[in-house]
Amino acid sequence: MWFCRVDGQPWPCGEARLLLVVEFRDNVSGLTIYLAGLMYEAMRDLYRLNPHDGPDPKELFARFVAWGAARRPAAEKAE
């Protein structure tokens, strides 16, 4: 179901996001690619579990990918 094993929140939870930011601190593009791959896996799993009422793609994008790009410094976004 893509919930955190530690706190039961939808993954990536707050703690997972902090750990990912630290792990990918010098590789924002790598973080985005990693998160996009996990979003795809989650989408596949969630649709398989509930094919008639699957997850909303916009919600999954916000949950998995959008927050990672939002963490880039403003100077980096302008480039």
N, C-alpha and C. Protein backbone atom coordinates (compact mmCIF):
# COMPACT_ATOMS: atom_id res chain seq x y z
N MET A 1 0.82 -1.20 0.00
CA MET A 1 0.00 0.00 0.00
C MET A 1 0.86 1.26 0.00
N TRP A 2 2.16 1.09 0.11
CA TRP A 2 3.09 2.22 0.09
C TRP A 2 2.94 3.11 1.32
N PHE A 3 2.92 2.46 2.49
CA PHE A 3 2.93 3.17 3.76
C PHE A 3 4.28 2.93 4.42
N CYS A 4 4.73 3.90 5.20
CA CYS A 4 6.01 3.79 5.91
C CYS A 4 5.91 2.68 6.96
N ARG A 5 6.92 1.84 7.03
CA ARG A 5 6.94 0.75 8.01
C ARG A 5 7.16 1.26 9.42
N VAL A 6 7.73 2.46 9.56
CA VAL A 6 8.05 3.00 10.87
C VAL A 6 6.86 3.71 11.49
N ASP A 7 6.24 4.64 10.74
CA ASP A 7 5.17 5.45 11.34
C ASP A 7 3.79 5.24 10.71
N GLY A 8 3.70 4.40 9.69
CA GLY A 8 2.42 4.09 9.09
C GLY A 8 1.84 5.17 8.19
N GLN A 9 2.59 6.23 7.94
CA GLN A 9 2.14 7.32 7.08
C GLN A 9 2.39 6.96 5.62
N PRO A 10 1.66 7.60 4.70
CA PRO A 10 1.94 7.35 3.28
C PRO A 10 3.40 7.65 2.97
N TRP A 11 4.05 6.73 2.26
CA TRP A 11 5.46 6.90 1.91
C TRP A 11 5.56 7.76 0.66
N PRO A 12 6.50 8.70 0.59
CA PRO A 12 7.52 9.02 1.57
C PRO A 12 6.99 9.95 2.66
N CYS A 13 7.08 9.50 3.89
CA CYS A 13 6.65 10.30 5.04
C CYS A 13 7.69 11.39 5.29
N GLY A 14 7.44 12.22 6.27
CA GLY A 14 8.36 13.31 6.58
C GLY A 14 9.77 12.85 6.87
N GLU A 15 9.90 11.80 7.67
CA GLU A 15 11.24 11.30 8.00
C GLU A 15 11.94 10.74 6.77
N ALA A 16 11.20 10.00 5.94
CA ALA A 16 11.80 9.45 4.71
C ALA A 16 12.26 10.57 3.79
N ARG A 17 11.47 11.64 3.70
CA ARG A 17 11.87 12.77 2.86
C ARG A 17 13.15 13.42 3.36
N LEU A 18 13.26 13.58 4.68
CA LEU A 18 14.49 14.15 5.24
C LEU A 18 15.69 13.27 4.93
N LEU A 19 15.52 11.96 5.10
CA LEU A 19 16.63 11.04 4.83
C LEU A 19 17.02 11.06 3.35
N LEU A 20 16.03 11.14 2.46
CA LEU A 20 16.31 11.19 1.03
C LEU A 20 17.03 12.49 0.65
N VAL A 21 16.63 13.60 1.25
CA VAL A 21 17.29 14.88 0.97
C VAL A 21 18.76 14.81 1.39
N VAL A 22 19.02 14.20 2.54
CA VAL A 22 20.40 14.07 3.00
C VAL A 22 21.18 13.15 2.06
N GLU A 23 20.58 12.03 1.71
CA GLU A 23 21.26 11.06 0.83
C GLU A 23 21.57 11.65 -0.55
N PHE A 24 20.66 12.46 -1.08
CA PHE A 24 20.82 13.01 -2.43
C PHE A 24 21.17 14.50 -2.41
N ARG A 25 21.75 14.99 -1.32
CA ARG A 25 21.99 16.44 -1.16
C ARG A 25 22.79 17.05 -2.30
N ASP A 26 23.66 16.30 -2.91
CA ASP A 26 24.47 16.83 -4.01
C ASP A 26 24.00 16.33 -5.37
N ASN A 27 22.81 15.74 -5.41
CA ASN A 27 22.34 15.14 -6.66
C ASN A 27 20.81 15.27 -6.75
N VAL A 28 20.32 16.49 -6.93
CA VAL A 28 18.88 16.74 -7.00
C VAL A 28 18.27 16.01 -8.19
N SER A 29 18.97 15.97 -9.31
CA SER A 29 18.45 15.25 -10.48
C SER A 29 18.31 13.77 -10.18
N GLY A 30 19.29 13.22 -9.50
CA GLY A 30 19.23 11.80 -9.12
C GLY A 30 18.05 11.52 -8.20
N LEU A 31 17.77 12.45 -7.27
CA LEU A 31 16.63 12.30 -6.38
C LEU A 31 15.33 12.29 -7.18
N THR A 32 15.22 13.19 -8.14
CA THR A 32 14.01 13.26 -8.96
C THR A 32 13.81 11.99 -9.76
N ILE A 33 14.88 11.48 -10.35
CA ILE A 33 14.80 10.24 -11.13
C ILE A 33 14.42 9.07 -10.23
N TYR A 34 15.03 9.00 -9.06
CA TYR A 34 14.73 7.93 -8.10
C TYR A 34 13.26 7.98 -7.69
N LEU A 35 12.77 9.17 -7.35
CA LEU A 35 11.39 9.32 -6.92
C LEU A 35 10.41 9.01 -8.05
N ALA A 36 10.75 9.40 -9.27
CA ALA A 36 9.88 9.09 -10.41
C ALA A 36 9.78 7.58 -10.62
N GLY A 37 10.88 6.88 -10.45
CA GLY A 37 10.86 5.42 -10.57
C GLY A 37 10.00 4.77 -9.49
N LEU A 38 10.11 5.29 -8.27
CA LEU A 38 9.28 4.76 -7.19
C LEU A 38 7.81 5.10 -7.40
N MET A 39 7.52 6.27 -7.97
CA MET A 39 6.14 6.63 -8.27
C MET A 39 5.56 5.63 -9.27
N TYR A 40 6.33 5.27 -10.26
CA TYR A 40 5.88 4.29 -11.25
C TYR A 40 5.58 2.95 -10.58
N GLU A 41 6.48 2.51 -9.71
CA GLU A 41 6.27 1.24 -9.01
C GLU A 41 5.02 1.29 -8.14
N ALA A 42 4.84 2.40 -7.43
CA ALA A 42 3.67 2.55 -6.58
C ALA A 42 2.40 2.57 -7.41
N MET A 43 2.43 3.28 -8.54
CA MET A 43 1.26 3.35 -9.40
C MET A 43 0.89 1.96 -9.90
N ARG A 44 1.88 1.20 -10.31
CA ARG A 44 1.64 -0.16 -10.79
C ARG A 44 1.04 -1.03 -9.69
N ASP A 45 1.63 -0.96 -8.49
CA ASP A 45 1.14 -1.76 -7.37
C ASP A 45 -0.27 -1.35 -6.95
N LEU A 46 -0.51 -0.06 -6.86
CA LEU A 46 -1.81 0.43 -6.40
C LEU A 46 -2.91 0.15 -7.41
N TYR A 47 -2.61 0.25 -8.69
CA TYR A 47 -3.60 -0.09 -9.72
C TYR A 47 -3.88 -1.59 -9.73
N ARG A 48 -2.86 -2.38 -9.47
CA ARG A 48 -3.05 -3.84 -9.43
C ARG A 48 -3.96 -4.21 -8.26
N LEU A 49 -3.81 -3.52 -7.13
CA LEU A 49 -4.64 -3.81 -5.96
C LEU A 49 -6.08 -3.34 -6.16
N ASN A 50 -6.26 -2.25 -6.88
CA ASN A 50 -7.59 -1.68 -7.06
C ASN A 50 -7.74 -1.14 -8.48
N PRO A 51 -7.93 -2.02 -9.46
CA PRO A 51 -7.94 -1.59 -10.86
C PRO A 51 -9.12 -0.71 -11.25
N HIS A 52 -10.22 -0.76 -10.52
CA HIS A 52 -11.40 0.02 -10.90
C HIS A 52 -11.42 1.42 -10.30
N ASP A 53 -10.68 1.63 -9.24
CA ASP A 53 -10.65 2.94 -8.58
C ASP A 53 -9.22 3.23 -8.15
N GLY A 54 -8.32 3.25 -9.13
CA GLY A 54 -6.90 3.42 -8.85
C GLY A 54 -6.56 4.81 -8.35
N PRO A 55 -5.32 5.02 -7.97
CA PRO A 55 -4.89 6.31 -7.43
C PRO A 55 -4.91 7.40 -8.50
N ASP A 56 -5.10 8.63 -8.05
CA ASP A 56 -5.09 9.79 -8.94
C ASP A 56 -3.64 10.10 -9.32
N PRO A 57 -3.31 10.15 -10.61
CA PRO A 57 -1.93 10.42 -11.03
C PRO A 57 -1.38 11.74 -10.49
N LYS A 58 -2.21 12.79 -10.42
CA LYS A 58 -1.73 14.07 -9.88
C LYS A 58 -1.35 13.95 -8.41
N GLU A 59 -2.14 13.20 -7.65
CA GLU A 59 -1.84 13.01 -6.24
C GLU A 59 -0.55 12.21 -6.06
N LEU A 60 -0.37 11.19 -6.88
CA LEU A 60 0.86 10.40 -6.79
C LEU A 60 2.08 11.23 -7.17
N PHE A 61 1.95 12.08 -8.19
CA PHE A 61 3.06 12.94 -8.57
C PHE A 61 3.43 13.88 -7.42
N ALA A 62 2.42 14.49 -6.81
CA ALA A 62 2.68 15.40 -5.69
C ALA A 62 3.32 14.64 -4.52
N ARG A 63 2.84 13.46 -4.26
CA ARG A 63 3.34 12.66 -3.14
C ARG A 63 4.77 12.18 -3.36
N PHE A 64 5.09 11.75 -4.57
CA PHE A 64 6.39 11.14 -4.81
C PHE A 64 7.44 12.07 -5.41
N VAL A 65 7.07 12.92 -6.35
CA VAL A 65 8.07 13.64 -7.13
C VAL A 65 8.13 15.13 -6.84
N ALA A 66 7.00 15.78 -6.79
CA ALA A 66 6.97 17.26 -6.73
C ALA A 66 7.71 17.83 -5.54
N TRP A 67 7.62 17.20 -4.39
CA TRP A 67 8.27 17.76 -3.21
C TRP A 67 9.79 17.77 -3.35
N GLY A 68 10.36 16.82 -4.07
CA GLY A 68 11.81 16.76 -4.24
C GLY A 68 12.35 17.95 -5.02
N ALA A 69 11.67 18.31 -6.09
CA ALA A 69 12.08 19.47 -6.88
C ALA A 69 11.87 20.76 -6.11
N ALA A 70 10.88 20.79 -5.23
CA ALA A 70 10.60 21.99 -4.44
C ALA A 70 11.70 22.29 -3.43
N ARG A 71 12.52 21.32 -3.13
CA ARG A 71 13.59 21.51 -2.14
C ARG A 71 14.86 22.13 -2.72
N ARG A 72 14.88 22.31 -4.04
CA ARG A 72 16.08 22.92 -4.65
C ARG A 72 16.16 24.37 -4.27
N PRO A 73 17.37 24.89 -4.05
CA PRO A 73 17.53 26.32 -3.77
C PRO A 73 17.01 27.17 -4.94
N ALA A 74 16.53 28.36 -4.64
CA ALA A 74 15.96 29.24 -5.67
C ALA A 74 16.94 29.53 -6.79
N ALA A 75 18.21 29.72 -6.50
CA ALA A 75 19.22 30.01 -7.52
C ALA A 75 19.34 28.84 -8.48
N GLU A 76 19.21 27.63 -7.97
CA GLU A 76 19.32 26.45 -8.82
C GLU A 76 18.11 26.33 -9.74
N LYS A 77 16.92 26.71 -9.27
CA LYS A 77 15.70 26.63 -10.06
C LYS A 77 15.74 27.59 -11.24
N ALA A 78 16.39 28.74 -11.07
CA ALA A 78 16.43 29.77 -12.10
C ALA A 78 17.30 29.37 -13.29
N GLU A 79 18.24 28.47 -13.08
CA GLU A 79 19.17 28.09 -14.15
C GLU A 79 18.52 27.35 -15.26
